[in-house]
């Protein structure tokens, strides 16, 4: 799922993805879920690290709201270190502002 520039709020589309992930985790009995947040390179590396973790934590909270036990979800933030689309520093790239949920 993707996020707006400098945002960590969950859109209705993001909530649809979260509901689908929660349903799949329940259906297939996933023991753990890993939620990894990312950011583009438009801010400082330190800021982007915190933003990516805020995004991951927000998704975790929504998964808990969908009935997944908090202890089964680990979160991490990769900041701008693992872009989907390689860019120069300072570039806003929507596809790099994302969270991955691994079941």
PDB file of N, CA and C in Angstrom:
ATOM      1  N   UNK A   1       0.834  -1.161   0.000  1.00  0.00           N
ATOM      2  CA  UNK A   1       0.000   0.000   0.000  1.00  0.00           C
ATOM      3  C   UNK A   1       0.885   1.233   0.000  1.00  0.00           C
ATOM      4  N   UNK A   2       0.354   2.304  -0.523  1.00  0.00           N
ATOM      5  CA  UNK A   2       1.137   3.522  -0.701  1.00  0.00           C
ATOM      6  C   UNK A   2       0.577   4.665   0.152  1.00  0.00           C
ATOM      7  N   UNK A   3       1.409   5.677   0.379  1.00  0.00           N
ATOM      8  CA  UNK A   3       1.073   6.807   1.236  1.00  0.00           C
ATOM      9  C   UNK A   3       1.330   8.107   0.506  1.00  0.00           C
ATOM     10  N   UNK A   4       0.655   9.158   0.959  1.00  0.00           N
ATOM     11  CA  UNK A   4       0.897  10.498   0.437  1.00  0.00           C
ATOM     12  C   UNK A   4       2.228  11.028   0.946  1.00  0.00           C
ATOM     13  N   UNK A   5       2.683  12.107   0.331  1.00  0.00           N
ATOM     14  CA  UNK A   5       3.939  12.728   0.739  1.00  0.00           C
ATOM     15  C   UNK A   5       3.850  13.186   2.181  1.00  0.00           C
ATOM     16  N   UNK A   6       4.820  12.750   2.996  1.00  0.00           N
ATOM     17  CA  UNK A   6       4.919  13.141   4.402  1.00  0.00           C
ATOM     18  C   UNK A   6       3.695  12.699   5.214  1.00  0.00           C
ATOM     19  N   UNK A   7       3.040  11.620   4.794  1.00  0.00           N
ATOM     20  CA  UNK A   7       1.819  11.134   5.446  1.00  0.00           C
ATOM     21  C   UNK A   7       2.024   9.713   5.959  1.00  0.00           C
ATOM     22  N   UNK A   8       1.289   9.398   7.034  1.00  0.00           N
ATOM     23  CA  UNK A   8       1.268   8.031   7.529  1.00  0.00           C
ATOM     24  C   UNK A   8      -0.165   7.572   7.781  1.00  0.00           C
ATOM     25  N   UNK A   9      -1.141   8.410   7.389  1.00  0.00           N
ATOM     26  CA  UNK A   9      -2.539   8.037   7.580  1.00  0.00           C
ATOM     27  C   UNK A   9      -2.952   6.960   6.577  1.00  0.00           C
ATOM     28  N   UNK A  10      -3.910   6.153   6.988  1.00  0.00           N
ATOM     29  CA  UNK A  10      -4.372   5.056   6.149  1.00  0.00           C
ATOM     30  C   UNK A  10      -5.586   5.491   5.344  1.00  0.00           C
ATOM     31  N   UNK A  11      -5.480   5.378   4.040  1.00  0.00           N
ATOM     32  CA  UNK A  11      -6.574   5.724   3.140  1.00  0.00           C
ATOM     33  C   UNK A  11      -7.587   4.573   3.111  1.00  0.00           C
ATOM     34  N   UNK A  12      -8.778   4.817   2.574  1.00  0.00           N
ATOM     35  CA  UNK A  12      -9.734   3.712   2.418  1.00  0.00           C
ATOM     36  C   UNK A  12      -9.158   2.552   1.594  1.00  0.00           C
ATOM     37  N   UNK A  13      -8.358   2.878   0.584  1.00  0.00           N
ATOM     38  CA  UNK A  13      -7.736   1.836  -0.229  1.00  0.00           C
ATOM     39  C   UNK A  13      -6.747   1.022   0.595  1.00  0.00           C
ATOM     40  N   UNK A  14      -5.981   1.693   1.452  1.00  0.00           N
ATOM     41  CA  UNK A  14      -5.038   0.990   2.326  1.00  0.00           C
ATOM     42  C   UNK A  14      -5.780   0.076   3.284  1.00  0.00           C
ATOM     43  N   UNK A  15      -6.906   0.552   3.812  1.00  0.00           N
ATOM     44  CA  UNK A  15      -7.693  -0.277   4.728  1.00  0.00           C
ATOM     45  C   UNK A  15      -8.231  -1.521   4.029  1.00  0.00           C
ATOM     46  N   UNK A  16      -8.567  -1.406   2.744  1.00  0.00           N
ATOM     47  CA  UNK A  16      -9.000  -2.588   1.987  1.00  0.00           C
ATOM     48  C   UNK A  16      -7.881  -3.627   1.933  1.00  0.00           C
ATOM     49  N   UNK A  17      -6.655  -3.170   1.672  1.00  0.00           N
ATOM     50  CA  UNK A  17      -5.512  -4.076   1.614  1.00  0.00           C
ATOM     51  C   UNK A  17      -5.271  -4.716   2.989  1.00  0.00           C
ATOM     52  N   UNK A  18      -5.383  -3.918   4.032  1.00  0.00           N
ATOM     53  CA  UNK A  18      -5.178  -4.424   5.393  1.00  0.00           C
ATOM     54  C   UNK A  18      -6.229  -5.478   5.730  1.00  0.00           C
ATOM     55  N   UNK A  19      -7.478  -5.234   5.372  1.00  0.00           N
ATOM     56  CA  UNK A  19      -8.540  -6.219   5.626  1.00  0.00           C
ATOM     57  C   UNK A  19      -8.259  -7.520   4.876  1.00  0.00           C
ATOM     58  N   UNK A  20      -7.806  -7.397   3.638  1.00  0.00           N
ATOM     59  CA  UNK A  20      -7.474  -8.592   2.854  1.00  0.00           C
ATOM     60  C   UNK A  20      -6.321  -9.363   3.492  1.00  0.00           C
ATOM     61  N   UNK A  21      -5.305  -8.645   3.967  1.00  0.00           N
ATOM     62  CA  UNK A  21      -4.160  -9.301   4.607  1.00  0.00           C
ATOM     63  C   UNK A  21      -4.594  -9.984   5.898  1.00  0.00           C
ATOM     64  N   UNK A  22      -5.433  -9.321   6.679  1.00  0.00           N
ATOM     65  CA  UNK A  22      -5.910  -9.911   7.933  1.00  0.00           C
ATOM     66  C   UNK A  22      -6.740 -11.154   7.661  1.00  0.00           C
ATOM     67  N   UNK A  23      -7.599 -11.095   6.663  1.00  0.00           N
ATOM     68  CA  UNK A  23      -8.416 -12.253   6.302  1.00  0.00           C
ATOM     69  C   UNK A  23      -7.525 -13.411   5.867  1.00  0.00           C
ATOM     70  N   UNK A  24      -6.524 -13.130   5.037  1.00  0.00           N
ATOM     71  CA  UNK A  24      -5.609 -14.185   4.574  1.00  0.00           C
ATOM     72  C   UNK A  24      -4.821 -14.772   5.739  1.00  0.00           C
ATOM     73  N   UNK A  25      -4.358 -13.925   6.657  1.00  0.00           N
ATOM     74  CA  UNK A  25      -3.590 -14.413   7.806  1.00  0.00           C
ATOM     75  C   UNK A  25      -4.445 -15.331   8.668  1.00  0.00           C
ATOM     76  N   UNK A  26      -5.701 -14.974   8.861  1.00  0.00           N
ATOM     77  CA  UNK A  26      -6.605 -15.810   9.652  1.00  0.00           C
ATOM     78  C   UNK A  26      -6.917 -17.111   8.924  1.00  0.00           C
ATOM     79  N   UNK A  27      -7.172 -16.996   7.625  1.00  0.00           N
ATOM     80  CA  UNK A  27      -7.541 -18.167   6.823  1.00  0.00           C
ATOM     81  C   UNK A  27      -6.410 -19.180   6.729  1.00  0.00           C
ATOM     82  N   UNK A  28      -5.188 -18.706   6.539  1.00  0.00           N
ATOM     83  CA  UNK A  28      -4.053 -19.606   6.351  1.00  0.00           C
ATOM     84  C   UNK A  28      -3.281 -19.857   7.632  1.00  0.00           C
ATOM     85  N   UNK A  29      -3.709 -19.233   8.720  1.00  0.00           N
ATOM     86  CA  UNK A  29      -3.064 -19.480  10.004  1.00  0.00           C
ATOM     87  C   UNK A  29      -1.639 -18.991  10.081  1.00  0.00           C
ATOM     88  N   UNK A  30      -1.360 -17.824   9.499  1.00  0.00           N
ATOM     89  CA  UNK A  30      -0.004 -17.271   9.547  1.00  0.00           C
ATOM     90  C   UNK A  30       0.430 -17.083  10.998  1.00  0.00           C
ATOM     91  N   UNK A  31       1.580 -17.642  11.340  1.00  0.00           N
ATOM     92  CA  UNK A  31       2.088 -17.543  12.710  1.00  0.00           C
ATOM     93  C   UNK A  31       2.532 -16.128  13.031  1.00  0.00           C
ATOM     94  N   UNK A  32       3.151 -15.464  12.062  1.00  0.00           N
ATOM     95  CA  UNK A  32       3.610 -14.097  12.273  1.00  0.00           C
ATOM     96  C   UNK A  32       3.411 -13.281  10.999  1.00  0.00           C
ATOM     97  N   UNK A  33       3.304 -11.995  11.188  1.00  0.00           N
ATOM     98  CA  UNK A  33       3.249 -11.054  10.078  1.00  0.00           C
ATOM     99  C   UNK A  33       4.375 -10.050  10.274  1.00  0.00           C
ATOM    100  N   UNK A  34       4.998  -9.669   9.190  1.00  0.00           N
ATOM    101  CA  UNK A  34       6.046  -8.661   9.227  1.00  0.00           C
ATOM    102  C   UNK A  34       5.561  -7.463   8.427  1.00  0.00           C
ATOM    103  N   UNK A  35       5.605  -6.302   9.048  1.00  0.00           N
ATOM    104  CA  UNK A  35       5.152  -5.067   8.410  1.00  0.00           C
ATOM    105  C   UNK A  35       6.369  -4.159   8.284  1.00  0.00           C
ATOM    106  N   UNK A  36       6.703  -3.791   7.037  1.00  0.00           N
ATOM    107  CA  UNK A  36       7.908  -3.009   6.767  1.00  0.00           C
ATOM    108  C   UNK A  36       7.519  -1.697   6.096  1.00  0.00           C
ATOM    109  N   UNK A  37       7.873  -0.591   6.739  1.00  0.00           N
ATOM    110  CA  UNK A  37       7.584   0.732   6.202  1.00  0.00           C
ATOM    111  C   UNK A  37       8.753   1.285   5.401  1.00  0.00           C
ATOM    112  N   UNK A  38       8.424   2.124   4.419  1.00  0.00           N
ATOM    113  CA  UNK A  38       9.425   2.744   3.546  1.00  0.00           C
ATOM    114  C   UNK A  38       9.081   4.219   3.343  1.00  0.00           C
ATOM    115  N   UNK A  39      10.047   4.981   2.876  1.00  0.00           N
ATOM    116  CA  UNK A  39       9.855   6.401   2.568  1.00  0.00           C
ATOM    117  C   UNK A  39      10.623   6.755   1.304  1.00  0.00           C
ATOM    118  N   UNK A  40      10.229   7.871   0.687  1.00  0.00           N
ATOM    119  CA  UNK A  40      11.008   8.341  -0.457  1.00  0.00           C
ATOM    120  C   UNK A  40      12.188   9.164   0.057  1.00  0.00           C
ATOM    121  N   UNK A  41      12.916   9.783  -0.841  1.00  0.00           N
ATOM    122  CA  UNK A  41      14.143  10.499  -0.454  1.00  0.00           C
ATOM    123  C   UNK A  41      13.953  12.003  -0.349  1.00  0.00           C
ATOM    124  N   UNK A  42      12.702  12.438  -0.091  1.00  0.00           N
ATOM    125  CA  UNK A  42      12.472  13.883  -0.070  1.00  0.00           C
ATOM    126  C   UNK A  42      12.804  14.530   1.277  1.00  0.00           C
ATOM    127  N   UNK A  43      13.010  13.766   2.324  1.00  0.00           N
ATOM    128  CA  UNK A  43      13.380  14.319   3.630  1.00  0.00           C
ATOM    129  C   UNK A  43      14.757  13.840   4.039  1.00  0.00           C
ATOM    130  N   UNK A  44      15.150  14.179   5.243  1.00  0.00           N
ATOM    131  CA  UNK A  44      16.453  13.706   5.733  1.00  0.00           C
ATOM    132  C   UNK A  44      16.364  12.208   6.034  1.00  0.00           C
ATOM    133  N   UNK A  45      17.488  11.500   5.979  1.00  0.00           N
ATOM    134  CA  UNK A  45      17.463  10.069   6.299  1.00  0.00           C
ATOM    135  C   UNK A  45      16.877   9.783   7.686  1.00  0.00           C
ATOM    136  N   UNK A  46      17.218  10.591   8.683  1.00  0.00           N
ATOM    137  CA  UNK A  46      16.694  10.364  10.044  1.00  0.00           C
ATOM    138  C   UNK A  46      15.178  10.548  10.079  1.00  0.00           C
ATOM    139  N   UNK A  47      14.678  11.590   9.440  1.00  0.00           N
ATOM    140  CA  UNK A  47      13.239  11.825   9.400  1.00  0.00           C
ATOM    141  C   UNK A  47      12.533  10.686   8.674  1.00  0.00           C
ATOM    142  N   UNK A  48      13.093  10.269   7.539  1.00  0.00           N
ATOM    143  CA  UNK A  48      12.467   9.219   6.742  1.00  0.00           C
ATOM    144  C   UNK A  48      12.445   7.883   7.486  1.00  0.00           C
ATOM    145  N   UNK A  49      13.446   7.625   8.299  1.00  0.00           N
ATOM    146  CA  UNK A  49      13.450   6.410   9.118  1.00  0.00           C
ATOM    147  C   UNK A  49      12.268   6.428  10.080  1.00  0.00           C
ATOM    148  N   UNK A  50      12.052   7.557  10.748  1.00  0.00           N
ATOM    149  CA  UNK A  50      10.937   7.680  11.692  1.00  0.00           C
ATOM    150  C   UNK A  50       9.591   7.607  10.974  1.00  0.00           C
ATOM    151  N   UNK A  51       9.491   8.253   9.816  1.00  0.00           N
ATOM    152  CA  UNK A  51       8.252   8.236   9.042  1.00  0.00           C
ATOM    153  C   UNK A  51       7.921   6.816   8.584  1.00  0.00           C
ATOM    154  N   UNK A  52       8.910   6.088   8.125  1.00  0.00           N
ATOM    155  CA  UNK A  52       8.650   4.724   7.661  1.00  0.00           C
ATOM    156  C   UNK A  52       8.181   3.837   8.810  1.00  0.00           C
ATOM    157  N   UNK A  53       8.714   4.038   9.994  1.00  0.00           N
ATOM    158  CA  UNK A  53       8.282   3.261  11.151  1.00  0.00           C
ATOM    159  C   UNK A  53       6.870   3.673  11.588  1.00  0.00           C
ATOM    160  N   UNK A  54       6.552   4.979  11.501  1.00  0.00           N
ATOM    161  CA  UNK A  54       5.181   5.425  11.797  1.00  0.00           C
ATOM    162  C   UNK A  54       4.188   4.754  10.861  1.00  0.00           C
ATOM    163  N   UNK A  55       4.554   4.646   9.599  1.00  0.00           N
ATOM    164  CA  UNK A  55       3.681   3.986   8.627  1.00  0.00           C
ATOM    165  C   UNK A  55       3.478   2.521   8.998  1.00  0.00           C
ATOM    166  N   UNK A  56       4.560   1.838   9.318  1.00  0.00           N
ATOM    167  CA  UNK A  56       4.465   0.420   9.697  1.00  0.00           C
ATOM    168  C   UNK A  56       3.643   0.252  10.969  1.00  0.00           C
ATOM    169  N   UNK A  57       3.854   1.107  11.949  1.00  0.00           N
ATOM    170  CA  UNK A  57       3.097   1.022  13.203  1.00  0.00           C
ATOM    171  C   UNK A  57       1.611   1.287  12.975  1.00  0.00           C
ATOM    172  N   UNK A  58       1.295   2.206  12.076  1.00  0.00           N
ATOM    173  CA  UNK A  58      -0.112   2.477  11.749  1.00  0.00           C
ATOM    174  C   UNK A  58      -0.787   1.278  11.123  1.00  0.00           C
ATOM    175  N   UNK A  59      -0.071   0.596  10.246  1.00  0.00           N
ATOM    176  CA  UNK A  59      -0.614  -0.612   9.621  1.00  0.00           C
ATOM    177  C   UNK A  59      -0.781  -1.711  10.670  1.00  0.00           C
ATOM    178  N   UNK A  60       0.185  -1.837  11.558  1.00  0.00           N
ATOM    179  CA  UNK A  60       0.062  -2.826  12.635  1.00  0.00           C
ATOM    180  C   UNK A  60      -1.191  -2.550  13.463  1.00  0.00           C
ATOM    181  N   UNK A  61      -1.412  -1.310  13.837  1.00  0.00           N
ATOM    182  CA  UNK A  61      -2.594  -0.953  14.606  1.00  0.00           C
ATOM    183  C   UNK A  61      -3.881  -1.332  13.891  1.00  0.00           C
ATOM    184  N   UNK A  62      -3.911  -1.116  12.591  1.00  0.00           N
ATOM    185  CA  UNK A  62      -5.094  -1.472  11.812  1.00  0.00           C
ATOM    186  C   UNK A  62      -5.265  -2.990  11.738  1.00  0.00           C
ATOM    187  N   UNK A  63      -4.166  -3.723  11.626  1.00  0.00           N
ATOM    188  CA  UNK A  63      -4.250  -5.187  11.622  1.00  0.00           C
ATOM    189  C   UNK A  63      -4.780  -5.705  12.958  1.00  0.00           C
ATOM    190  N   UNK A  64      -4.324  -5.105  14.038  1.00  0.00           N
ATOM    191  CA  UNK A  64      -4.845  -5.468  15.365  1.00  0.00           C
ATOM    192  C   UNK A  64      -6.344  -5.181  15.412  1.00  0.00           C
ATOM    193  N   UNK A  65      -6.747  -4.059  14.852  1.00  0.00           N
ATOM    194  CA  UNK A  65      -8.162  -3.718  14.784  1.00  0.00           C
ATOM    195  C   UNK A  65      -8.979  -4.709  13.973  1.00  0.00           C
ATOM    196  N   UNK A  66      -8.315  -5.417  13.082  1.00  0.00           N
ATOM    197  CA  UNK A  66      -8.972  -6.440  12.258  1.00  0.00           C
ATOM    198  C   UNK A  66      -8.879  -7.831  12.883  1.00  0.00           C
ATOM    199  N   UNK A  67      -8.392  -7.895  14.133  1.00  0.00           N
ATOM    200  CA  UNK A  67      -8.409  -9.167  14.851  1.00  0.00           C
ATOM    201  C   UNK A  67      -7.118  -9.955  14.873  1.00  0.00           C
ATOM    202  N   UNK A  68      -6.020  -9.376  14.394  1.00  0.00           N
ATOM    203  CA  UNK A  68      -4.730 -10.055  14.451  1.00  0.00           C
ATOM    204  C   UNK A  68      -4.070  -9.704  15.792  1.00  0.00           C
ATOM    205  N   UNK A  69      -3.548 -10.694  16.484  1.00  0.00           N
ATOM    206  CA  UNK A  69      -2.901 -10.441  17.777  1.00  0.00           C
ATOM    207  C   UNK A  69      -1.645  -9.589  17.582  1.00  0.00           C
ATOM    208  N   UNK A  70      -1.507  -8.550  18.407  1.00  0.00           N
ATOM    209  CA  UNK A  70      -0.371  -7.632  18.297  1.00  0.00           C
ATOM    210  C   UNK A  70       0.961  -8.367  18.414  1.00  0.00           C
ATOM    211  N   UNK A  71       1.033  -9.382  19.273  1.00  0.00           N
ATOM    212  CA  UNK A  71       2.272 -10.127  19.462  1.00  0.00           C
ATOM    213  C   UNK A  71       2.706 -10.942  18.258  1.00  0.00           C
ATOM    214  N   UNK A  72       1.809 -11.104  17.294  1.00  0.00           N
ATOM    215  CA  UNK A  72       2.138 -11.856  16.083  1.00  0.00           C
ATOM    216  C   UNK A  72       2.615 -10.951  14.947  1.00  0.00           C
ATOM    217  N   UNK A  73       2.692  -9.641  15.226  1.00  0.00           N
ATOM    218  CA  UNK A  73       3.066  -8.677  14.192  1.00  0.00           C
ATOM    219  C   UNK A  73       4.357  -7.988  14.582  1.00  0.00           C
ATOM    220  N   UNK A  74       5.371  -8.082  13.736  1.00  0.00           N
ATOM    221  CA  UNK A  74       6.599  -7.315  13.961  1.00  0.00           C
ATOM    222  C   UNK A  74       6.644  -6.177  12.946  1.00  0.00           C
ATOM    223  N   UNK A  75       7.196  -5.046  13.372  1.00  0.00           N
ATOM    224  CA  UNK A  75       7.297  -3.890  12.486  1.00  0.00           C
ATOM    225  C   UNK A  75       8.738  -3.422  12.387  1.00  0.00           C
ATOM    226  N   UNK A  76       9.041  -2.819  11.258  1.00  0.00           N
ATOM    227  CA  UNK A  76      10.332  -2.169  11.085  1.00  0.00           C
ATOM    228  C   UNK A  76      10.182  -1.064  10.051  1.00  0.00           C
ATOM    229  N   UNK A  77      11.112  -0.138  10.074  1.00  0.00           N
ATOM    230  CA  UNK A  77      11.141   0.943   9.097  1.00  0.00           C
ATOM    231  C   UNK A  77      12.476   0.946   8.386  1.00  0.00           C
ATOM    232  N   UNK A  78      12.426   1.022   7.087  1.00  0.00           N
ATOM    233  CA  UNK A  78      13.661   1.052   6.301  1.00  0.00           C
ATOM    234  C   UNK A  78      13.990   2.444   5.793  1.00  0.00           C
ATOM    235  N   UNK A  79      13.169   3.415   6.156  1.00  0.00           N
ATOM    236  CA  UNK A  79      13.445   4.774   5.706  1.00  0.00           C
ATOM    237  C   UNK A  79      13.521   4.846   4.195  1.00  0.00           C
ATOM    238  N   UNK A  80      14.554   5.491   3.703  1.00  0.00           N
ATOM    239  CA  UNK A  80      14.750   5.648   2.258  1.00  0.00           C
ATOM    240  C   UNK A  80      15.765   4.652   1.704  1.00  0.00           C
ATOM    241  N   UNK A  81      16.139   3.653   2.515  1.00  0.00           N
ATOM    242  CA  UNK A  81      17.243   2.764   2.143  1.00  0.00           C
ATOM    243  C   UNK A  81      16.886   1.673   1.142  1.00  0.00           C
ATOM    244  N   UNK A  82      15.607   1.414   0.901  1.00  0.00           N
ATOM    245  CA  UNK A  82      15.211   0.313   0.018  1.00  0.00           C
ATOM    246  C   UNK A  82      14.122   0.785  -0.945  1.00  0.00           C
ATOM    247  N   UNK A  83      14.467   1.707  -1.853  1.00  0.00           N
ATOM    248  CA  UNK A  83      13.435   2.255  -2.737  1.00  0.00           C
ATOM    249  C   UNK A  83      12.941   1.245  -3.772  1.00  0.00           C
ATOM    250  N   UNK A  84      11.661   1.334  -4.090  1.00  0.00           N
ATOM    251  CA  UNK A  84      11.104   0.537  -5.186  1.00  0.00           C
ATOM    252  C   UNK A  84      11.571   1.123  -6.513  1.00  0.00           C
ATOM    253  N   UNK A  85      11.621   2.458  -6.555  1.00  0.00           N
ATOM    254  CA  UNK A  85      12.066   3.181  -7.743  1.00  0.00           C
ATOM    255  C   UNK A  85      13.310   3.982  -7.354  1.00  0.00           C
ATOM    256  N   UNK A  86      14.475   3.644  -7.892  1.00  0.00           N
ATOM    257  CA  UNK A  86      15.689   4.405  -7.552  1.00  0.00           C
ATOM    258  C   UNK A  86      15.561   5.864  -7.984  1.00  0.00           C
ATOM    259  N   UNK A  87      15.904   6.771  -7.061  1.00  0.00           N
ATOM    260  CA  UNK A  87      15.858   8.205  -7.356  1.00  0.00           C
ATOM    261  C   UNK A  87      17.066   8.884  -6.720  1.00  0.00           C
ATOM    262  N   UNK A  88      17.272  10.117  -7.113  1.00  0.00           N
ATOM    263  CA  UNK A  88      18.281  10.955  -6.480  1.00  0.00           C
ATOM    264  C   UNK A  88      17.748  11.438  -5.135  1.00  0.00           C
ATOM    265  N   UNK A  89      18.638  11.871  -4.272  1.00  0.00           N
ATOM    266  CA  UNK A  89      18.239  12.424  -2.990  1.00  0.00           C
ATOM    267  C   UNK A  89      17.349  13.642  -3.203  1.00  0.00           C
ATOM    268  N   UNK A  90      16.333  13.790  -2.382  1.00  0.00           N
ATOM    269  CA  UNK A  90      15.429  14.921  -2.461  1.00  0.00           C
ATOM    270  C   UNK A  90      14.244  14.733  -3.393  1.00  0.00           C
ATOM    271  N   UNK A  91      14.180  13.613  -4.116  1.00  0.00           N
ATOM    272  CA  UNK A  91      13.111  13.388  -5.090  1.00  0.00           C
ATOM    273  C   UNK A  91      11.895  12.748  -4.411  1.00  0.00           C
ATOM    274  N   UNK A  92      10.722  13.298  -4.681  1.00  0.00           N
ATOM    275  CA  UNK A  92       9.469  12.709  -4.209  1.00  0.00           C
ATOM    276  C   UNK A  92       9.042  11.623  -5.195  1.00  0.00           C
ATOM    277  N   UNK A  93       8.931  10.406  -4.721  1.00  0.00           N
ATOM    278  CA  UNK A  93       8.511   9.287  -5.574  1.00  0.00           C
ATOM    279  C   UNK A  93       7.406   8.520  -4.859  1.00  0.00           C
ATOM    280  N   UNK A  94       6.175   8.621  -5.349  1.00  0.00           N
ATOM    281  CA  UNK A  94       5.044   7.992  -4.676  1.00  0.00           C
ATOM    282  C   UNK A  94       5.207   6.486  -4.434  1.00  0.00           C
ATOM    283  N   UNK A  95       5.833   5.780  -5.341  1.00  0.00           N
ATOM    284  CA  UNK A  95       5.962   4.330  -5.174  1.00  0.00           C
ATOM    285  C   UNK A  95       6.952   3.947  -4.069  1.00  0.00           C
ATOM    286  N   UNK A  96       7.779   4.880  -3.648  1.00  0.00           N
ATOM    287  CA  UNK A  96       8.714   4.596  -2.555  1.00  0.00           C
ATOM    288  C   UNK A  96       8.091   4.845  -1.179  1.00  0.00           C
ATOM    289  N   UNK A  97       6.923   5.479  -1.146  1.00  0.00           N
ATOM    290  CA  UNK A  97       6.213   5.740   0.117  1.00  0.00           C
ATOM    291  C   UNK A  97       5.218   4.618   0.324  1.00  0.00           C
ATOM    292  N   UNK A  98       5.670   3.520   0.957  1.00  0.00           N
ATOM    293  CA  UNK A  98       4.855   2.331   0.998  1.00  0.00           C
ATOM    294  C   UNK A  98       5.083   1.519   2.253  1.00  0.00           C
ATOM    295  N   UNK A  99       4.208   0.527   2.447  1.00  0.00           N
ATOM    296  CA  UNK A  99       4.360  -0.473   3.493  1.00  0.00           C
ATOM    297  C   UNK A  99       4.126  -1.835   2.853  1.00  0.00           C
ATOM    298  N   UNK A 100       4.963  -2.787   3.211  1.00  0.00           N
ATOM    299  CA  UNK A 100       4.794  -4.184   2.789  1.00  0.00           C
ATOM    300  C   UNK A 100       4.327  -4.982   3.983  1.00  0.00           C
ATOM    301  N   UNK A 101       3.358  -5.860   3.736  1.00  0.00           N
ATOM    302  CA  UNK A 101       2.909  -6.802   4.759  1.00  0.00           C
ATOM    303  C   UNK A 101       3.295  -8.189   4.280  1.00  0.00           C
ATOM    304  N   UNK A 102       4.140  -8.848   5.039  1.00  0.00           N
ATOM    305  CA  UNK A 102       4.555 -10.216   4.703  1.00  0.00           C
ATOM    306  C   UNK A 102       3.878 -11.192   5.651  1.00  0.00           C
ATOM    307  N   UNK A 103       3.146 -12.157   5.066  1.00  0.00           N
ATOM    308  CA  UNK A 103       2.455 -13.160   5.872  1.00  0.00           C
ATOM    309  C   UNK A 103       3.332 -14.384   6.039  1.00  0.00           C
TER     310      UNK A 103
END
